[in-house]
Amino acid sequence: MKKTSDEILYQEESGYKDLLLRKNMKMRIMETLFFVVGMLLLSQFFNTQSPAFKVLAFAIAIAVVCLAPFVYKYTLRPSYKLTKTHLIVSMGGRETRYPLSEVEPIFEGRHLYKLGGKRHSLMVSRQFLNHLNERLFVYQKLQKRR
């Protein structure tokens, strides 16, 4: 049986750990804004030197960092698919297909890639990134032969 180019070689949905560790800059900024708003609201009700303020500030920080991946997972539902010729990114109900010719790793971090000329953070496991890097190597090798 002959494989088509759209046959999915590897597929993955982002897990909690991936969303916690490999967020993009936009998500990090949103978390920071939620923390700042929480701190501003907290400072309206408590003296900033009181122990209650310090405990609640710490609780807000933990809540923002630990609960944000759950929110991302259920609102954005990020999933990634790898085919012979494309990387397919589904985020928030939108699916974007990137030809492997437009996918290149950025050596600043293991999960940062240039997709279609723009910098993206792939919120996937190392196993998926290994499959992607292998597929990119094979794809580039095939392109050099042509």
C-alpha atoms as a PDB file:
ATOM      1  CA  MET A   1       0.000   0.000   0.000  1.00  0.00           C
ATOM      2  CA  LYS A   2       1.454   3.329  -1.065  1.00  0.00           C
ATOM      3  CA  LYS A   3       1.483   6.170   1.480  1.00  0.00           C
ATOM      4  CA  THR A   4       0.131   9.549   0.465  1.00  0.00           C
ATOM      5  CA  SER A   5       1.870  12.780   1.392  1.00  0.00           C
ATOM      6  CA  ASP A   6      -1.046  13.745   3.680  1.00  0.00           C
ATOM      7  CA  GLU A   7      -0.773  10.597   5.777  1.00  0.00           C
ATOM      8  CA  ILE A   8      -0.069  11.544   9.372  1.00  0.00           C
ATOM      9  CA  LEU A   9       3.277  10.216  10.561  1.00  0.00           C
ATOM     10  CA  TYR A  10       3.009  11.548  14.096  1.00  0.00           C
ATOM     11  CA  GLN A  11       0.316  13.407  16.004  1.00  0.00           C
ATOM     12  CA  GLU A  12       0.222  14.930  19.454  1.00  0.00           C
ATOM     13  CA  GLU A  13      -1.938  17.130  21.640  1.00  0.00           C
ATOM     14  CA  SER A  14      -0.161  19.433  24.052  1.00  0.00           C
ATOM     15  CA  GLY A  15      -0.028  18.209  27.627  1.00  0.00           C
ATOM     16  CA  TYR A  16       0.113  20.165  30.872  1.00  0.00           C
ATOM     17  CA  LYS A  17       3.896  19.958  31.157  1.00  0.00           C
ATOM     18  CA  ASP A  18       4.387  21.085  27.546  1.00  0.00           C
ATOM     19  CA  LEU A  19       2.063  24.057  28.036  1.00  0.00           C
ATOM     20  CA  LEU A  20       3.772  24.956  31.300  1.00  0.00           C
ATOM     21  CA  LEU A  21       7.326  24.857  29.952  1.00  0.00           C
ATOM     22  CA  ARG A  22       7.028  25.824  26.276  1.00  0.00           C
ATOM     23  CA  LYS A  23       4.665  28.796  26.231  1.00  0.00           C
ATOM     24  CA  ASN A  24       4.996  31.457  23.601  1.00  0.00           C
ATOM     25  CA  MET A  25       5.690  35.089  24.467  1.00  0.00           C
ATOM     26  CA  LYS A  26       2.037  36.123  24.079  1.00  0.00           C
ATOM     27  CA  MET A  27       0.946  33.608  26.724  1.00  0.00           C
ATOM     28  CA  ARG A  28       3.710  34.707  29.094  1.00  0.00           C
ATOM     29  CA  ILE A  29       2.645  38.346  28.738  1.00  0.00           C
ATOM     30  CA  MET A  30      -0.992  37.403  29.425  1.00  0.00           C
ATOM     31  CA  GLU A  31       0.044  35.575  32.608  1.00  0.00           C
ATOM     32  CA  THR A  32       2.048  38.588  33.729  1.00  0.00           C
ATOM     33  CA  LEU A  33      -0.906  40.896  33.116  1.00  0.00           C
ATOM     34  CA  PHE A  34      -3.230  38.626  35.136  1.00  0.00           C
ATOM     35  CA  PHE A  35      -0.703  38.590  37.969  1.00  0.00           C
ATOM     36  CA  VAL A  36      -0.372  42.404  37.923  1.00  0.00           C
ATOM     37  CA  VAL A  37      -4.162  42.862  37.912  1.00  0.00           C
ATOM     38  CA  GLY A  38      -4.455  40.390  40.809  1.00  0.00           C
ATOM     39  CA  MET A  39      -1.777  42.252  42.752  1.00  0.00           C
ATOM     40  CA  LEU A  40      -3.457  45.610  42.123  1.00  0.00           C
ATOM     41  CA  LEU A  41      -6.785  44.262  43.351  1.00  0.00           C
ATOM     42  CA  LEU A  42      -5.113  42.685  46.364  1.00  0.00           C
ATOM     43  CA  SER A  43      -3.329  45.913  47.263  1.00  0.00           C
ATOM     44  CA  GLN A  44      -6.696  47.700  47.409  1.00  0.00           C
ATOM     45  CA  PHE A  45      -7.918  45.428  50.217  1.00  0.00           C
ATOM     46  CA  PHE A  46      -4.750  44.763  52.248  1.00  0.00           C
ATOM     47  CA  ASN A  47      -1.768  46.700  53.505  1.00  0.00           C
ATOM     48  CA  THR A  48       1.270  45.674  51.445  1.00  0.00           C
ATOM     49  CA  GLN A  49       3.289  45.045  54.639  1.00  0.00           C
ATOM     50  CA  SER A  50       0.749  42.670  56.189  1.00  0.00           C
ATOM     51  CA  PRO A  51       1.384  38.919  56.301  1.00  0.00           C
ATOM     52  CA  ALA A  52      -2.023  38.274  54.704  1.00  0.00           C
ATOM     53  CA  PHE A  53      -1.011  40.333  51.655  1.00  0.00           C
ATOM     54  CA  LYS A  54       2.235  38.399  51.278  1.00  0.00           C
ATOM     55  CA  VAL A  55       0.513  35.018  51.547  1.00  0.00           C
ATOM     56  CA  LEU A  56      -2.229  35.987  49.108  1.00  0.00           C
ATOM     57  CA  ALA A  57       0.314  37.457  46.670  1.00  0.00           C
ATOM     58  CA  PHE A  58       2.180  34.168  46.729  1.00  0.00           C
ATOM     59  CA  ALA A  59      -1.123  32.300  46.215  1.00  0.00           C
ATOM     60  CA  ILE A  60      -1.972  34.498  43.211  1.00  0.00           C
ATOM     61  CA  ALA A  61       1.431  33.804  41.661  1.00  0.00           C
ATOM     62  CA  ILE A  62       1.039  30.054  42.100  1.00  0.00           C
ATOM     63  CA  ALA A  63      -2.540  30.136  40.795  1.00  0.00           C
ATOM     64  CA  VAL A  64      -1.587  32.089  37.678  1.00  0.00           C
ATOM     65  CA  VAL A  65       1.391  29.876  36.833  1.00  0.00           C
ATOM     66  CA  CYS A  66      -0.210  26.519  37.685  1.00  0.00           C
ATOM     67  CA  LEU A  67      -3.720  27.115  36.352  1.00  0.00           C
ATOM     68  CA  ALA A  68      -2.779  28.863  33.102  1.00  0.00           C
ATOM     69  CA  PRO A  69      -1.824  25.624  31.263  1.00  0.00           C
ATOM     70  CA  PHE A  70      -5.268  24.175  32.051  1.00  0.00           C
ATOM     71  CA  VAL A  71      -6.920  27.281  30.640  1.00  0.00           C
ATOM     72  CA  TYR A  72      -4.739  27.124  27.502  1.00  0.00           C
ATOM     73  CA  LYS A  73      -5.459  23.439  27.027  1.00  0.00           C
ATOM     74  CA  TYR A  74      -9.235  23.800  27.196  1.00  0.00           C
ATOM     75  CA  THR A  75      -9.570  27.083  25.319  1.00  0.00           C
ATOM     76  CA  LEU A  76      -6.936  26.695  22.602  1.00  0.00           C
ATOM     77  CA  ARG A  77      -6.859  22.870  22.340  1.00  0.00           C
ATOM     78  CA  PRO A  78      -3.391  22.885  20.732  1.00  0.00           C
ATOM     79  CA  SER A  79      -2.520  19.859  18.626  1.00  0.00           C
ATOM     80  CA  TYR A  80       0.254  19.162  16.175  1.00  0.00           C
ATOM     81  CA  LYS A  81       0.434  16.740  13.246  1.00  0.00           C
ATOM     82  CA  LEU A  82       3.445  15.783  11.199  1.00  0.00           C
ATOM     83  CA  THR A  83       3.083  14.443   7.664  1.00  0.00           C
ATOM     84  CA  LYS A  84       5.733  13.657   5.075  1.00  0.00           C
ATOM     85  CA  THR A  85       5.601  17.169   3.658  1.00  0.00           C
ATOM     86  CA  HIS A  86       3.829  19.387   6.219  1.00  0.00           C
ATOM     87  CA  LEU A  87       3.639  20.381   9.861  1.00  0.00           C
ATOM     88  CA  ILE A  88      -0.001  21.019  10.786  1.00  0.00           C
ATOM     89  CA  VAL A  89      -0.665  23.230  13.825  1.00  0.00           C
ATOM     90  CA  SER A  90      -4.201  23.404  15.250  1.00  0.00           C
ATOM     91  CA  MET A  91      -4.750  26.144  17.782  1.00  0.00           C
ATOM     92  CA  GLY A  92      -8.086  27.527  18.943  1.00  0.00           C
ATOM     93  CA  GLY A  93     -10.042  25.772  16.205  1.00  0.00           C
ATOM     94  CA  ARG A  94      -7.772  27.130  13.438  1.00  0.00           C
ATOM     95  CA  GLU A  95      -5.574  24.755  11.523  1.00  0.00           C
ATOM     96  CA  THR A  96      -2.443  26.043   9.803  1.00  0.00           C
ATOM     97  CA  ARG A  97      -0.351  23.935   7.444  1.00  0.00           C
ATOM     98  CA  TYR A  98       3.343  24.700   7.081  1.00  0.00           C
ATOM     99  CA  PRO A  99       5.345  22.982   4.339  1.00  0.00           C
ATOM    100  CA  LEU A 100       8.508  21.442   5.751  1.00  0.00           C
ATOM    101  CA  SER A 101      10.468  23.708   3.415  1.00  0.00           C
ATOM    102  CA  GLU A 102       9.255  26.644   5.567  1.00  0.00           C
ATOM    103  CA  VAL A 103      10.069  24.988   8.912  1.00  0.00           C
ATOM    104  CA  GLU A 104      13.498  25.494  10.436  1.00  0.00           C
ATOM    105  CA  PRO A 105      14.728  25.173  14.012  1.00  0.00           C
ATOM    106  CA  ILE A 106      16.027  28.182  15.913  1.00  0.00           C
ATOM    107  CA  PHE A 107      19.016  27.258  18.008  1.00  0.00           C
ATOM    108  CA  GLU A 108      18.076  29.533  20.909  1.00  0.00           C
ATOM    109  CA  GLY A 109      15.829  26.867  22.368  1.00  0.00           C
ATOM    110  CA  ARG A 110      14.812  23.365  21.508  1.00  0.00           C
ATOM    111  CA  HIS A 111      11.121  24.183  21.023  1.00  0.00           C
ATOM    112  CA  LEU A 112      11.544  27.361  18.976  1.00  0.00           C
ATOM    113  CA  TYR A 113      11.062  27.098  15.224  1.00  0.00           C
ATOM    114  CA  LYS A 114      10.678  29.469  12.333  1.00  0.00           C
ATOM    115  CA  LEU A 115       7.373  28.605  10.639  1.00  0.00           C
ATOM    116  CA  GLY A 116       6.549  30.474   7.460  1.00  0.00           C
ATOM    117  CA  GLY A 117       9.150  33.115   8.294  1.00  0.00           C
ATOM    118  CA  LYS A 118       7.811  33.802  11.814  1.00  0.00           C
ATOM    119  CA  ARG A 119       9.149  32.627  15.147  1.00  0.00           C
ATOM    120  CA  HIS A 120       6.873  30.102  16.924  1.00  0.00           C
ATOM    121  CA  SER A 121       7.099  28.129  20.130  1.00  0.00           C
ATOM    122  CA  LEU A 122       5.931  24.554  19.611  1.00  0.00           C
ATOM    123  CA  MET A 123       4.201  23.369  22.773  1.00  0.00           C
ATOM    124  CA  VAL A 124       4.902  19.676  22.268  1.00  0.00           C
ATOM    125  CA  SER A 125       6.931  16.935  23.920  1.00  0.00           C
ATOM    126  CA  ARG A 126      10.564  16.212  23.177  1.00  0.00           C
ATOM    127  CA  GLN A 127       9.466  13.030  21.441  1.00  0.00           C
ATOM    128  CA  PHE A 128       7.439  15.026  18.898  1.00  0.00           C
ATOM    129  CA  LEU A 129      10.325  17.477  18.448  1.00  0.00           C
ATOM    130  CA  ASN A 130      12.658  14.546  17.785  1.00  0.00           C
ATOM    131  CA  HIS A 131      10.255  13.206  15.133  1.00  0.00           C
ATOM    132  CA  LEU A 132      10.022  16.675  13.588  1.00  0.00           C
ATOM    133  CA  ASN A 133      13.796  17.121  13.498  1.00  0.00           C
ATOM    134  CA  GLU A 134      14.235  13.681  11.926  1.00  0.00           C
ATOM    135  CA  ARG A 135      11.588  14.457   9.308  1.00  0.00           C
ATOM    136  CA  LEU A 136      13.203  17.839   8.554  1.00  0.00           C
ATOM    137  CA  PHE A 137      16.568  16.116   8.088  1.00  0.00           C
ATOM    138  CA  VAL A 138      15.062  13.527   5.714  1.00  0.00           C
ATOM    139  CA  TYR A 139      13.101  16.199   3.838  1.00  0.00           C
ATOM    140  CA  GLN A 140      16.178  18.407   3.363  1.00  0.00           C
ATOM    141  CA  LYS A 141      18.215  15.413   2.252  1.00  0.00           C
ATOM    142  CA  LEU A 142      15.569  14.530  -0.358  1.00  0.00           C
ATOM    143  CA  GLN A 143      15.415  18.136  -1.571  1.00  0.00           C
ATOM    144  CA  LYS A 144      19.199  18.235  -2.103  1.00  0.00           C
ATOM    145  CA  ARG A 145      19.008  15.138  -4.316  1.00  0.00           C
ATOM    146  CA  ARG A 146      16.494  16.750  -6.675  1.00  0.00           C
END
